[in-house]
Amino acid sequence: MTILIDSNVALDVLLNNAGLVDGSKAVFKLAEKKRITGYISASAVTDIFYISQKRHGKKPAKEALKDLLHVFHPATVTDGHIFQALNLDWDDFEDSVQFTIGESLSADYIVTRNTQDFSSSYIPAVTPEQFMQTVVDIEQ
């Protein structure tokens, strides 16, 4: 199973966001154990670093990013993704780029805290908690 995580899921873990971290950590553990193949958009990586270093400083943010990229493969963003996203006419351009990347990866799910932002996506957008329940249901 292949997933694309949104930056907000990565930030749950890297910033230890209260009330959100447990579900996101569970997704991380599945990817770490190679039970799923996880990706994160290369374009999201810079945003994640920026937000993390503002909270924790540059060196800890770099270390956290290295850890993240040992678990989730960075997915290349191409000009094709950008042009395809522009043609989608979604309200949120960043989310349309995420969708086109997920599409090119043949992702089974986009794991995000903002599922409503992907309402036009045919790739199911689920929260980390919904994803974990899906995995449990598949394995039973």
N, C-alpha and C. Protein backbone atom coordinates (compact mmCIF):
# COMPACT_ATOMS: atom_id res chain seq x y z
N MET A 1 0.84 -1.17 0.00
CA MET A 1 0.00 0.00 0.00
C MET A 1 0.89 1.24 0.00
N THR A 2 0.52 2.20 -0.82
CA THR A 2 1.28 3.43 -0.97
C THR A 2 0.46 4.61 -0.49
N ILE A 3 1.10 5.46 0.33
CA ILE A 3 0.42 6.67 0.81
C ILE A 3 1.29 7.89 0.58
N LEU A 4 0.63 9.02 0.50
CA LEU A 4 1.30 10.32 0.48
C LEU A 4 0.82 11.05 1.72
N ILE A 5 1.75 11.49 2.56
CA ILE A 5 1.33 12.25 3.74
C ILE A 5 1.43 13.73 3.45
N ASP A 6 0.51 14.45 4.01
CA ASP A 6 0.48 15.90 3.91
C ASP A 6 1.45 16.47 4.96
N SER A 7 1.89 17.68 4.76
CA SER A 7 2.84 18.29 5.68
C SER A 7 2.29 18.38 7.10
N ASN A 8 0.97 18.54 7.25
CA ASN A 8 0.41 18.68 8.59
C ASN A 8 0.58 17.40 9.41
N VAL A 9 0.60 16.24 8.76
CA VAL A 9 0.81 14.98 9.46
C VAL A 9 2.26 14.88 9.93
N ALA A 10 3.19 15.26 9.09
CA ALA A 10 4.60 15.26 9.49
C ALA A 10 4.82 16.23 10.64
N LEU A 11 4.19 17.39 10.57
CA LEU A 11 4.37 18.39 11.62
C LEU A 11 3.76 17.95 12.95
N ASP A 12 2.69 17.14 12.90
CA ASP A 12 2.14 16.59 14.15
C ASP A 12 3.24 15.91 14.95
N VAL A 13 4.06 15.13 14.24
CA VAL A 13 5.11 14.35 14.90
C VAL A 13 6.30 15.24 15.24
N LEU A 14 6.76 16.00 14.28
CA LEU A 14 7.97 16.80 14.51
C LEU A 14 7.77 17.88 15.57
N LEU A 15 6.54 18.38 15.69
CA LEU A 15 6.26 19.42 16.68
C LEU A 15 5.56 18.88 17.92
N ASN A 16 5.34 17.56 17.93
CA ASN A 16 4.68 16.89 19.06
C ASN A 16 3.36 17.58 19.40
N ASN A 17 2.53 17.77 18.37
CA ASN A 17 1.26 18.48 18.53
C ASN A 17 0.29 17.70 19.42
N ALA A 18 -0.03 18.28 20.55
CA ALA A 18 -0.90 17.64 21.54
C ALA A 18 -2.23 17.26 20.92
N GLY A 19 -2.68 16.05 21.21
CA GLY A 19 -3.96 15.56 20.72
C GLY A 19 -3.93 15.02 19.31
N LEU A 20 -2.83 15.25 18.60
CA LEU A 20 -2.73 14.82 17.21
C LEU A 20 -1.58 13.86 16.96
N VAL A 21 -0.59 13.91 17.82
CA VAL A 21 0.67 13.21 17.57
C VAL A 21 0.50 11.69 17.53
N ASP A 22 -0.37 11.12 18.34
CA ASP A 22 -0.46 9.66 18.43
C ASP A 22 -0.86 9.02 17.10
N GLY A 23 -1.91 9.54 16.47
CA GLY A 23 -2.34 8.98 15.18
C GLY A 23 -1.28 9.11 14.12
N SER A 24 -0.64 10.26 14.07
CA SER A 24 0.41 10.49 13.07
C SER A 24 1.62 9.61 13.33
N LYS A 25 1.99 9.44 14.61
CA LYS A 25 3.11 8.55 14.94
C LYS A 25 2.82 7.12 14.52
N ALA A 26 1.58 6.69 14.65
CA ALA A 26 1.21 5.32 14.25
C ALA A 26 1.43 5.12 12.75
N VAL A 27 1.12 6.14 11.95
CA VAL A 27 1.36 6.07 10.50
C VAL A 27 2.86 6.00 10.24
N PHE A 28 3.64 6.82 10.96
CA PHE A 28 5.09 6.80 10.83
C PHE A 28 5.64 5.40 11.10
N LYS A 29 5.13 4.77 12.16
CA LYS A 29 5.63 3.45 12.54
C LYS A 29 5.35 2.41 11.45
N LEU A 30 4.20 2.50 10.81
CA LEU A 30 3.90 1.56 9.71
C LEU A 30 4.91 1.74 8.56
N ALA A 31 5.21 2.99 8.25
CA ALA A 31 6.17 3.26 7.17
C ALA A 31 7.58 2.84 7.59
N GLU A 32 7.91 3.10 8.84
CA GLU A 32 9.23 2.73 9.35
C GLU A 32 9.44 1.22 9.31
N LYS A 33 8.39 0.47 9.60
CA LYS A 33 8.46 -1.00 9.58
C LYS A 33 8.26 -1.58 8.18
N LYS A 34 8.10 -0.69 7.18
CA LYS A 34 7.94 -1.09 5.77
C LYS A 34 6.64 -1.88 5.53
N ARG A 35 5.64 -1.64 6.36
CA ARG A 35 4.34 -2.27 6.15
C ARG A 35 3.53 -1.48 5.12
N ILE A 36 3.93 -0.22 4.91
CA ILE A 36 3.38 0.63 3.86
C ILE A 36 4.55 1.35 3.22
N THR A 37 4.33 1.86 2.02
CA THR A 37 5.32 2.71 1.36
C THR A 37 4.83 4.14 1.48
N GLY A 38 5.59 4.95 2.17
CA GLY A 38 5.17 6.32 2.42
C GLY A 38 5.98 7.34 1.66
N TYR A 39 5.30 8.36 1.19
CA TYR A 39 5.92 9.47 0.47
C TYR A 39 5.48 10.79 1.08
N ILE A 40 6.29 11.78 0.87
CA ILE A 40 5.95 13.17 1.20
C ILE A 40 6.43 14.03 0.04
N SER A 41 5.65 15.00 -0.33
CA SER A 41 6.01 15.87 -1.43
C SER A 41 7.31 16.61 -1.13
N ALA A 42 8.21 16.62 -2.10
CA ALA A 42 9.47 17.35 -1.93
C ALA A 42 9.20 18.83 -1.68
N SER A 43 8.12 19.34 -2.24
CA SER A 43 7.81 20.76 -2.02
C SER A 43 7.37 21.02 -0.59
N ALA A 44 6.83 20.02 0.09
CA ALA A 44 6.41 20.18 1.48
C ALA A 44 7.60 20.17 2.43
N VAL A 45 8.68 19.57 2.02
CA VAL A 45 9.85 19.42 2.89
C VAL A 45 10.40 20.78 3.31
N THR A 46 10.44 21.73 2.40
CA THR A 46 10.97 23.05 2.75
C THR A 46 10.06 23.76 3.75
N ASP A 47 8.75 23.60 3.58
CA ASP A 47 7.80 24.20 4.52
C ASP A 47 7.95 23.57 5.91
N ILE A 48 8.09 22.27 5.94
CA ILE A 48 8.25 21.54 7.20
C ILE A 48 9.52 22.00 7.91
N PHE A 49 10.60 22.14 7.16
CA PHE A 49 11.85 22.61 7.76
C PHE A 49 11.66 24.02 8.33
N TYR A 50 11.06 24.90 7.57
CA TYR A 50 10.88 26.28 7.99
C TYR A 50 10.09 26.35 9.30
N ILE A 51 8.98 25.64 9.36
CA ILE A 51 8.14 25.66 10.56
C ILE A 51 8.87 25.01 11.74
N SER A 52 9.54 23.90 11.49
CA SER A 52 10.27 23.20 12.57
C SER A 52 11.40 24.04 13.13
N GLN A 53 12.17 24.69 12.26
CA GLN A 53 13.31 25.46 12.76
C GLN A 53 12.88 26.69 13.52
N LYS A 54 11.69 27.23 13.21
CA LYS A 54 11.18 28.37 13.98
C LYS A 54 10.86 27.94 15.41
N ARG A 55 10.43 26.70 15.58
CA ARG A 55 10.05 26.20 16.90
C ARG A 55 11.25 25.64 17.66
N HIS A 56 12.13 24.89 16.96
CA HIS A 56 13.18 24.15 17.65
C HIS A 56 14.60 24.58 17.32
N GLY A 57 14.78 25.44 16.34
CA GLY A 57 16.12 25.84 15.92
C GLY A 57 16.56 25.05 14.70
N LYS A 58 17.59 25.55 14.04
CA LYS A 58 18.04 25.00 12.76
C LYS A 58 18.57 23.57 12.87
N LYS A 59 19.49 23.34 13.81
CA LYS A 59 20.11 22.01 13.90
C LYS A 59 19.09 20.92 14.26
N PRO A 60 18.24 21.11 15.29
CA PRO A 60 17.24 20.08 15.57
C PRO A 60 16.25 19.88 14.41
N ALA A 61 15.93 20.96 13.71
CA ALA A 61 15.02 20.84 12.56
C ALA A 61 15.65 20.00 11.46
N LYS A 62 16.94 20.20 11.21
CA LYS A 62 17.62 19.39 10.20
C LYS A 62 17.66 17.92 10.60
N GLU A 63 17.93 17.65 11.85
CA GLU A 63 17.96 16.26 12.33
C GLU A 63 16.58 15.62 12.20
N ALA A 64 15.55 16.36 12.57
CA ALA A 64 14.18 15.85 12.47
C ALA A 64 13.82 15.57 11.02
N LEU A 65 14.25 16.45 10.12
CA LEU A 65 13.98 16.26 8.69
C LEU A 65 14.70 15.03 8.15
N LYS A 66 15.94 14.82 8.60
CA LYS A 66 16.67 13.61 8.19
C LYS A 66 15.93 12.36 8.65
N ASP A 67 15.44 12.39 9.88
CA ASP A 67 14.67 11.24 10.39
C ASP A 67 13.40 11.03 9.57
N LEU A 68 12.71 12.11 9.26
CA LEU A 68 11.50 12.03 8.46
C LEU A 68 11.78 11.39 7.10
N LEU A 69 12.88 11.80 6.47
CA LEU A 69 13.19 11.32 5.12
C LEU A 69 13.79 9.92 5.11
N HIS A 70 14.08 9.37 6.28
CA HIS A 70 14.44 7.96 6.36
C HIS A 70 13.20 7.08 6.37
N VAL A 71 12.07 7.69 6.69
CA VAL A 71 10.82 6.95 6.78
C VAL A 71 9.94 7.19 5.56
N PHE A 72 9.85 8.44 5.12
CA PHE A 72 9.02 8.81 3.97
C PHE A 72 9.91 9.27 2.83
N HIS A 73 9.70 8.68 1.67
CA HIS A 73 10.48 9.05 0.49
C HIS A 73 10.02 10.42 -0.01
N PRO A 74 10.96 11.30 -0.35
CA PRO A 74 10.53 12.57 -0.94
C PRO A 74 10.06 12.32 -2.38
N ALA A 75 8.86 12.79 -2.67
CA ALA A 75 8.29 12.62 -4.01
C ALA A 75 8.59 13.86 -4.83
N THR A 76 9.20 13.65 -5.96
CA THR A 76 9.60 14.74 -6.85
C THR A 76 8.38 15.51 -7.34
N VAL A 77 8.53 16.83 -7.40
CA VAL A 77 7.51 17.70 -7.97
C VAL A 77 8.05 18.17 -9.32
N THR A 78 7.32 17.86 -10.37
CA THR A 78 7.77 18.22 -11.72
C THR A 78 6.93 19.36 -12.28
N ASP A 79 7.38 19.89 -13.40
CA ASP A 79 6.59 20.91 -14.07
C ASP A 79 5.24 20.33 -14.50
N GLY A 80 5.21 19.05 -14.83
CA GLY A 80 3.96 18.40 -15.19
C GLY A 80 2.95 18.43 -14.06
N HIS A 81 3.43 18.19 -12.84
CA HIS A 81 2.54 18.25 -11.68
C HIS A 81 1.96 19.66 -11.52
N ILE A 82 2.82 20.64 -11.68
CA ILE A 82 2.40 22.04 -11.51
C ILE A 82 1.35 22.41 -12.55
N PHE A 83 1.61 22.11 -13.82
CA PHE A 83 0.64 22.45 -14.87
C PHE A 83 -0.66 21.68 -14.71
N GLN A 84 -0.56 20.42 -14.34
CA GLN A 84 -1.76 19.63 -14.12
C GLN A 84 -2.57 20.22 -12.96
N ALA A 85 -1.89 20.62 -11.89
CA ALA A 85 -2.57 21.22 -10.74
C ALA A 85 -3.23 22.54 -11.12
N LEU A 86 -2.57 23.33 -11.94
CA LEU A 86 -3.17 24.60 -12.39
C LEU A 86 -4.46 24.36 -13.16
N ASN A 87 -4.51 23.27 -13.91
CA ASN A 87 -5.70 22.96 -14.69
C ASN A 87 -6.84 22.37 -13.87
N LEU A 88 -6.56 21.97 -12.64
CA LEU A 88 -7.61 21.37 -11.81
C LEU A 88 -8.60 22.41 -11.26
N ASP A 89 -8.16 23.64 -11.09
CA ASP A 89 -9.01 24.71 -10.60
C ASP A 89 -9.58 24.42 -9.21
N TRP A 90 -8.74 23.82 -8.34
CA TRP A 90 -9.15 23.61 -6.94
C TRP A 90 -8.99 24.92 -6.19
N ASP A 91 -9.65 25.03 -5.04
CA ASP A 91 -9.53 26.24 -4.22
C ASP A 91 -8.12 26.41 -3.68
N ASP A 92 -7.47 25.31 -3.29
CA ASP A 92 -6.14 25.38 -2.69
C ASP A 92 -5.12 24.77 -3.66
N PHE A 93 -4.27 25.62 -4.20
CA PHE A 93 -3.30 25.16 -5.19
C PHE A 93 -2.34 24.13 -4.62
N GLU A 94 -1.88 24.34 -3.38
CA GLU A 94 -0.95 23.38 -2.76
C GLU A 94 -1.57 21.99 -2.70
N ASP A 95 -2.85 21.92 -2.34
CA ASP A 95 -3.51 20.62 -2.27
C ASP A 95 -3.67 19.99 -3.65
N SER A 96 -3.89 20.81 -4.66
CA SER A 96 -4.00 20.25 -6.01
C SER A 96 -2.65 19.70 -6.47
N VAL A 97 -1.56 20.33 -6.06
CA VAL A 97 -0.23 19.79 -6.37
C VAL A 97 -0.03 18.47 -5.63
N GLN A 98 -0.44 18.43 -4.36
CA GLN A 98 -0.33 17.18 -3.59
C GLN A 98 -1.10 16.06 -4.30
N PHE A 99 -2.30 16.37 -4.76
CA PHE A 99 -3.10 15.37 -5.46
C PHE A 99 -2.39 14.86 -6.70
N THR A 100 -1.84 15.76 -7.52
CA THR A 100 -1.19 15.31 -8.75
C THR A 100 0.03 14.44 -8.45
N ILE A 101 0.72 14.74 -7.36
CA ILE A 101 1.85 13.90 -6.95
C ILE A 101 1.33 12.53 -6.51
N GLY A 102 0.29 12.52 -5.71
CA GLY A 102 -0.31 11.26 -5.29
C GLY A 102 -0.77 10.44 -6.47
N GLU A 103 -1.34 11.10 -7.44
CA GLU A 103 -1.80 10.42 -8.65
C GLU A 103 -0.62 9.78 -9.39
N SER A 104 0.47 10.50 -9.52
CA SER A 104 1.64 9.95 -10.23
C SER A 104 2.29 8.80 -9.47
N LEU A 105 2.09 8.76 -8.16
CA LEU A 105 2.62 7.66 -7.35
C LEU A 105 1.66 6.47 -7.30
N SER A 106 0.48 6.64 -7.86
CA SER A 106 -0.61 5.66 -7.72
C SER A 106 -0.89 5.42 -6.24
N ALA A 107 -0.92 6.51 -5.48
CA ALA A 107 -1.15 6.42 -4.04
C ALA A 107 -2.54 5.86 -3.76
N ASP A 108 -2.59 5.01 -2.75
CA ASP A 108 -3.87 4.46 -2.32
C ASP A 108 -4.62 5.45 -1.43
N TYR A 109 -3.86 6.28 -0.70
CA TYR A 109 -4.45 7.26 0.22
C TYR A 109 -3.57 8.49 0.29
N ILE A 110 -4.22 9.62 0.56
CA ILE A 110 -3.54 10.83 0.99
C ILE A 110 -3.91 10.98 2.47
N VAL A 111 -2.90 10.99 3.32
CA VAL A 111 -3.14 11.09 4.76
C VAL A 111 -2.91 12.53 5.16
N THR A 112 -3.96 13.16 5.69
CA THR A 112 -3.95 14.59 5.95
C THR A 112 -4.86 14.93 7.13
N ARG A 113 -4.64 16.06 7.72
CA ARG A 113 -5.57 16.58 8.73
C ARG A 113 -6.70 17.36 8.08
N ASN A 114 -6.56 17.70 6.81
CA ASN A 114 -7.54 18.54 6.11
C ASN A 114 -8.21 17.75 4.99
N THR A 115 -8.95 16.74 5.35
CA THR A 115 -9.56 15.87 4.32
C THR A 115 -10.51 16.64 3.40
N GLN A 116 -11.20 17.64 3.93
CA GLN A 116 -12.14 18.41 3.12
C GLN A 116 -11.45 19.13 1.97
N ASP A 117 -10.16 19.42 2.11
CA ASP A 117 -9.42 20.10 1.04
C ASP A 117 -9.22 19.20 -0.17
N PHE A 118 -9.45 17.91 0.00
CA PHE A 118 -9.27 16.94 -1.09
C PHE A 118 -10.61 16.36 -1.55
N SER A 119 -11.68 17.11 -1.37
CA SER A 119 -13.01 16.60 -1.70
C SER A 119 -13.17 16.33 -3.19
N SER A 120 -12.37 16.96 -4.03
CA SER A 120 -12.43 16.71 -5.48
C SER A 120 -11.51 15.58 -5.92
N SER A 121 -10.79 15.01 -5.00
CA SER A 121 -9.81 13.96 -5.30
C SER A 121 -10.48 12.59 -5.38
N TYR A 122 -10.08 11.80 -6.37
CA TYR A 122 -10.55 10.42 -6.39
C TYR A 122 -9.65 9.53 -5.52
N ILE A 123 -8.50 10.04 -5.10
CA ILE A 123 -7.67 9.32 -4.13
C ILE A 123 -8.28 9.62 -2.76
N PRO A 124 -8.64 8.60 -2.00
CA PRO A 124 -9.24 8.88 -0.69
C PRO A 124 -8.29 9.67 0.21
N ALA A 125 -8.82 10.75 0.77
CA ALA A 125 -8.07 11.55 1.75
C ALA A 125 -8.63 11.20 3.13
N VAL A 126 -7.74 10.76 4.01
CA VAL A 126 -8.14 10.31 5.34
C VAL A 126 -7.22 10.91 6.39
N THR A 127 -7.74 11.00 7.60
CA THR A 127 -6.91 11.44 8.72
C THR A 127 -6.01 10.27 9.12
N PRO A 128 -4.97 10.54 9.89
CA PRO A 128 -4.13 9.43 10.36
C PRO A 128 -4.94 8.37 11.11
N GLU A 129 -5.89 8.81 11.91
CA GLU A 129 -6.70 7.87 12.67
C GLU A 129 -7.58 7.02 11.75
N GLN A 130 -8.17 7.65 10.74
CA GLN A 130 -8.97 6.90 9.76
C GLN A 130 -8.09 5.92 8.99
N PHE A 131 -6.89 6.35 8.65
CA PHE A 131 -5.98 5.46 7.94
C PHE A 131 -5.63 4.25 8.78
N MET A 132 -5.33 4.46 10.04
CA MET A 132 -4.98 3.34 10.92
C MET A 132 -6.15 2.36 11.03
N GLN A 133 -7.36 2.86 11.08
CA GLN A 133 -8.51 1.97 11.13
C GLN A 133 -8.66 1.21 9.82
N THR A 134 -8.37 1.85 8.70
CA THR A 134 -8.41 1.18 7.40
C THR A 134 -7.41 0.05 7.34
N VAL A 135 -6.22 0.30 7.83
CA VAL A 135 -5.17 -0.74 7.84
C VAL A 135 -5.61 -1.91 8.70
N VAL A 136 -6.17 -1.63 9.84
CA VAL A 136 -6.67 -2.70 10.72
C VAL A 136 -7.76 -3.50 10.01
N ASP A 137 -8.68 -2.80 9.35
CA ASP A 137 -9.76 -3.49 8.63
C ASP A 137 -9.23 -4.35 7.49
N ILE A 138 -8.21 -3.89 6.78
CA ILE A 138 -7.62 -4.64 5.66
C ILE A 138 -6.93 -5.90 6.18
N GLU A 139 -6.25 -5.77 7.31
CA GLU A 139 -5.46 -6.88 7.83
C GLU A 139 -6.33 -7.95 8.50
N GLN A 140 -7.59 -7.63 8.78
CA GLN A 140 -8.45 -8.63 9.44
C GLN A 140 -9.17 -9.49 8.45
